[in-house]
Amino acid sequence: MKLDVITLSGDKAGQIELSDAVFGIDEIRGDILARCVNWQLAKRRAGTHKVQTRNENSRTGKKMYKQKGTGGARHGSRRAPQFVGGSRAFGPIVRDHGFDLPKKVRALALRHALSSKAKAGSLLVLDAAALDAPKTAALRAQFAKLGLKNALIIAGPEVDGAFKLAARNIPQVDVLPNAGLNVYDVLRRDTLVLTRAAIEAIEARFADKEAA
């Protein structure tokens, strides 16, 4: 698969050949994408929700009333869940929501996510993501010329400082280095923008895995 390489000003800067093993998968597996997205979202949950159990509630432990003779049900404590001020039954506790997902499944999900963008025509290749000065208005105008309103930009091994500062105040535009590439962010944005350096790193990463 070949794609045109463009500059931030919209000019053509040649073409690039994309690996079919990474960007040319025809049958996109939605189930694999869903598994990886759920894994990512579960992993980043704090899990700090907590309610008091009966042994942590500071209400009195005295028996409410005598066992027999009242005509009512027998109760031993006001800490029981059915009473106002009592504890909650089976409430949330502090825990880790994360679960394991094999590395091969994660790698496959990323390839399917990249291929889905290429197949939908939502993949742009930039020659470089760098600016001389961190001017948000100028960068916004360049994005408008390229038709970028909702995009994830993978800028290369490191994000250019001026580009990062200029892009951080533009809504619905995320800028990440190569190491930050992930399935969830690829899918949540309408357009995926990769630099030449990012594509080389992605293809090298998957080539190493296939060789292994």
Protein backbone atom coordinates (compact mmCIF):
# COMPACT_ATOMS: atom_id res chain seq x y z
CA MET A 1 0.00 0.00 0.00
CA LYS A 2 1.30 3.42 -0.97
CA LEU A 3 0.29 6.73 0.58
CA ASP A 4 1.23 10.30 -0.21
CA VAL A 5 3.42 12.07 2.33
CA ILE A 6 2.41 15.66 3.03
CA THR A 7 3.83 18.56 4.99
CA LEU A 8 2.02 20.65 7.58
CA SER A 9 1.45 23.28 4.90
CA GLY A 10 -0.37 20.73 2.74
CA ASP A 11 2.35 20.25 0.11
CA LYS A 12 3.31 16.81 -1.16
CA ALA A 13 6.62 15.41 0.03
CA GLY A 14 6.73 12.13 -1.89
CA GLN A 15 5.20 8.72 -1.20
CA ILE A 16 5.74 5.98 1.31
CA GLU A 17 5.18 2.22 1.08
CA LEU A 18 3.23 0.79 4.02
CA SER A 19 3.55 -2.79 5.20
CA ASP A 20 0.46 -4.87 4.42
CA ALA A 21 1.08 -6.93 7.56
CA VAL A 22 0.56 -3.82 9.70
CA PHE A 23 -1.63 -1.48 7.65
CA GLY A 24 -3.24 -3.81 5.10
CA ILE A 25 -5.36 -6.27 7.08
CA ASP A 26 -8.64 -6.72 5.19
CA GLU A 27 -10.85 -8.41 7.79
CA ILE A 28 -10.90 -6.18 10.87
CA ARG A 29 -11.61 -8.16 14.04
CA GLY A 30 -13.90 -6.04 16.17
CA ASP A 31 -13.81 -8.59 18.99
CA ILE A 32 -10.04 -8.26 19.34
CA LEU A 33 -10.28 -4.47 19.32
CA ALA A 34 -12.98 -4.61 22.02
CA ARG A 35 -10.87 -6.92 24.20
CA CYS A 36 -7.89 -4.56 24.03
CA VAL A 37 -9.96 -1.42 24.68
CA ASN A 38 -11.62 -3.05 27.70
CA TRP A 39 -8.19 -4.13 28.97
CA GLN A 40 -6.85 -0.57 28.65
CA LEU A 41 -9.84 1.05 30.35
CA ALA A 42 -9.91 -1.52 33.16
CA LYS A 43 -6.18 -1.13 33.75
CA ARG A 44 -6.41 2.63 34.28
CA ARG A 45 -9.29 2.50 36.78
CA ALA A 46 -8.19 3.63 40.23
CA GLY A 47 -10.20 1.03 42.14
CA THR A 48 -10.23 3.23 45.27
CA HIS A 49 -14.01 3.10 45.80
CA LYS A 50 -14.89 1.91 49.29
CA VAL A 51 -17.85 1.70 51.68
CA GLN A 52 -17.96 0.80 55.35
CA THR A 53 -18.70 -2.77 56.32
CA ARG A 54 -20.47 -3.72 59.53
CA ASN A 55 -17.25 -4.15 61.47
CA GLU A 56 -16.11 -0.63 60.41
CA ASN A 57 -19.33 1.23 61.17
CA SER A 58 -19.14 3.36 64.32
CA ARG A 59 -22.80 2.97 65.29
CA THR A 60 -23.64 1.33 68.57
CA GLY A 61 -23.43 -2.42 68.86
CA LYS A 62 -26.07 -2.60 71.57
CA LYS A 63 -29.04 -4.86 70.93
CA MET A 64 -31.93 -2.73 69.67
CA TYR A 65 -34.62 -4.29 71.86
CA LYS A 66 -35.30 -7.52 73.64
CA GLN A 67 -35.36 -10.71 71.66
CA LYS A 68 -38.95 -11.73 72.31
CA GLY A 69 -42.27 -10.21 73.15
CA THR A 70 -42.24 -7.13 70.91
CA GLY A 71 -44.22 -8.61 68.03
CA GLY A 72 -41.53 -7.49 65.62
CA ALA A 73 -38.68 -9.20 63.87
CA ARG A 74 -35.60 -10.11 65.88
CA HIS A 75 -32.65 -7.73 65.43
CA GLY A 76 -29.30 -7.58 67.12
CA SER A 77 -27.61 -4.44 65.75
CA ARG A 78 -28.39 -1.11 64.15
CA ARG A 79 -25.36 -1.59 61.91
CA ALA A 80 -27.35 -3.98 59.71
CA PRO A 81 -27.86 -2.80 56.09
CA GLN A 82 -31.65 -2.50 56.34
CA PHE A 83 -31.48 0.35 58.87
CA VAL A 84 -30.79 4.03 58.21
CA GLY A 85 -27.19 4.67 59.16
CA GLY A 86 -26.34 1.00 58.77
CA SER A 87 -23.65 -0.47 56.58
CA ARG A 88 -24.04 -1.37 52.93
CA ALA A 89 -24.31 -5.02 51.99
CA PHE A 90 -21.80 -6.25 49.38
CA GLY A 91 -20.54 -2.73 48.68
CA PRO A 92 -17.42 -1.92 46.64
CA ILE A 93 -14.01 -2.48 48.16
CA VAL A 94 -10.54 -1.30 47.17
CA ARG A 95 -9.34 -3.58 44.40
CA ASP A 96 -7.48 -3.76 41.11
CA HIS A 97 -9.80 -3.87 38.10
CA GLY A 98 -7.04 -4.89 35.70
CA PHE A 99 -6.82 -8.28 34.05
CA ASP A 100 -4.26 -10.03 31.89
CA LEU A 101 -4.26 -9.85 28.11
CA PRO A 102 -1.57 -11.73 26.14
CA LYS A 103 1.04 -9.61 24.38
CA LYS A 104 0.25 -11.27 21.08
CA VAL A 105 -3.40 -10.23 21.37
CA ARG A 106 -2.39 -6.64 22.19
CA ALA A 107 -0.03 -6.52 19.22
CA LEU A 108 -2.68 -7.98 16.93
CA ALA A 109 -5.25 -5.45 18.17
CA LEU A 110 -2.87 -2.59 17.38
CA ARG A 111 -2.30 -3.89 13.86
CA HIS A 112 -6.06 -4.19 13.33
CA ALA A 113 -6.61 -0.65 14.66
CA LEU A 114 -3.96 0.76 12.30
CA SER A 115 -5.38 -1.22 9.38
CA SER A 116 -8.90 0.00 10.14
CA LYS A 117 -7.75 3.61 9.81
CA ALA A 118 -5.92 2.88 6.57
CA LYS A 119 -8.91 0.98 5.18
CA ALA A 120 -11.29 3.81 6.05
CA GLY A 121 -9.04 6.43 4.43
CA SER A 122 -8.50 8.09 7.80
CA LEU A 123 -4.72 7.77 7.82
CA LEU A 124 -2.44 10.70 6.98
CA VAL A 125 1.34 10.63 6.72
CA LEU A 126 3.28 13.75 7.67
CA ASP A 127 6.83 14.39 6.62
CA ALA A 128 7.55 15.75 10.13
CA ALA A 129 5.63 17.20 13.08
CA ALA A 130 7.82 20.16 14.00
CA LEU A 131 7.42 23.93 14.25
CA ASP A 132 9.81 26.86 14.49
CA ALA A 133 7.68 28.60 17.11
CA PRO A 134 4.86 27.39 19.40
CA LYS A 135 2.00 29.32 17.76
CA THR A 136 -1.37 27.69 18.35
CA ALA A 137 -3.28 29.91 15.90
CA ALA A 138 -0.87 29.11 13.08
CA LEU A 139 -1.02 25.38 13.78
CA ARG A 140 -4.81 25.47 13.96
CA ALA A 141 -4.89 27.09 10.52
CA GLN A 142 -2.60 24.39 9.15
CA PHE A 143 -4.82 21.68 10.63
CA ALA A 144 -7.87 23.33 9.05
CA LYS A 145 -6.13 23.23 5.66
CA LEU A 146 -5.44 19.53 6.15
CA GLY A 147 -9.00 18.89 7.37
CA LEU A 148 -7.92 17.76 10.84
CA LYS A 149 -10.62 18.36 13.43
CA ASN A 150 -10.46 15.21 15.53
CA ALA A 151 -7.06 13.54 15.28
CA LEU A 152 -4.35 11.54 16.99
CA ILE A 153 -0.84 12.54 15.92
CA ILE A 154 2.08 10.16 16.49
CA ALA A 155 5.02 12.50 16.13
CA GLY A 156 8.04 10.15 16.26
CA PRO A 157 10.51 9.03 18.93
CA GLU A 158 10.03 12.36 20.72
CA VAL A 159 7.48 15.13 20.33
CA ASP A 160 8.91 18.44 19.12
CA GLY A 161 8.65 20.96 21.97
CA ALA A 162 7.19 23.80 19.90
CA PHE A 163 4.68 21.47 18.22
CA LYS A 164 3.59 20.05 21.57
CA LEU A 165 3.02 23.50 23.07
CA ALA A 166 1.13 24.71 20.00
CA ALA A 167 -1.14 21.64 19.85
CA ARG A 168 -2.00 21.23 23.52
CA ASN A 169 -4.73 23.90 23.48
CA ILE A 170 -6.41 22.60 20.34
CA PRO A 171 -9.48 20.53 21.35
CA GLN A 172 -9.86 16.94 20.15
CA VAL A 173 -6.24 16.74 19.01
CA ASP A 174 -3.84 14.42 20.84
CA VAL A 175 -0.08 14.36 20.24
CA LEU A 176 1.93 11.35 21.41
CA PRO A 177 5.41 9.90 20.85
CA ASN A 178 5.90 6.44 19.35
CA ALA A 179 5.87 4.86 22.80
CA GLY A 180 2.37 6.26 23.46
CA LEU A 181 0.71 4.57 20.47
CA ASN A 182 -2.24 2.52 21.74
CA VAL A 183 -5.46 0.99 20.46
CA TYR A 184 -7.89 3.10 22.49
CA ASP A 185 -6.49 6.46 21.37
CA VAL A 186 -6.29 5.31 17.75
CA LEU A 187 -9.96 4.31 17.73
CA ARG A 188 -11.34 7.28 19.69
CA ARG A 189 -10.09 9.84 17.15
CA ASP A 190 -11.46 10.20 13.63
CA THR A 191 -8.09 10.62 11.93
CA LEU A 192 -4.71 9.03 12.61
CA VAL A 193 -1.67 11.10 11.63
CA LEU A 194 1.72 9.39 11.51
CA THR A 195 5.08 10.89 10.69
CA ARG A 196 7.66 9.10 8.56
CA ALA A 197 9.67 8.35 11.68
CA ALA A 198 6.61 6.92 13.43
CA ILE A 199 5.84 4.57 10.53
CA GLU A 200 9.42 3.34 10.40
CA ALA A 201 9.35 2.64 14.15
CA ILE A 202 5.98 0.85 13.96
CA GLU A 203 7.03 -1.38 11.08
CA ALA A 204 10.38 -2.13 12.73
CA ARG A 205 8.59 -3.06 15.95
CA PHE A 206 6.32 -5.59 14.26
CA ALA A 207 9.10 -6.87 11.99
CA ASP A 208 11.13 -7.74 15.10
CA LYS A 209 8.19 -9.68 16.56
CA GLU A 210 7.59 -11.60 13.34
CA ALA A 211 11.29 -12.47 13.12
CA ALA A 212 11.25 -13.73 16.71
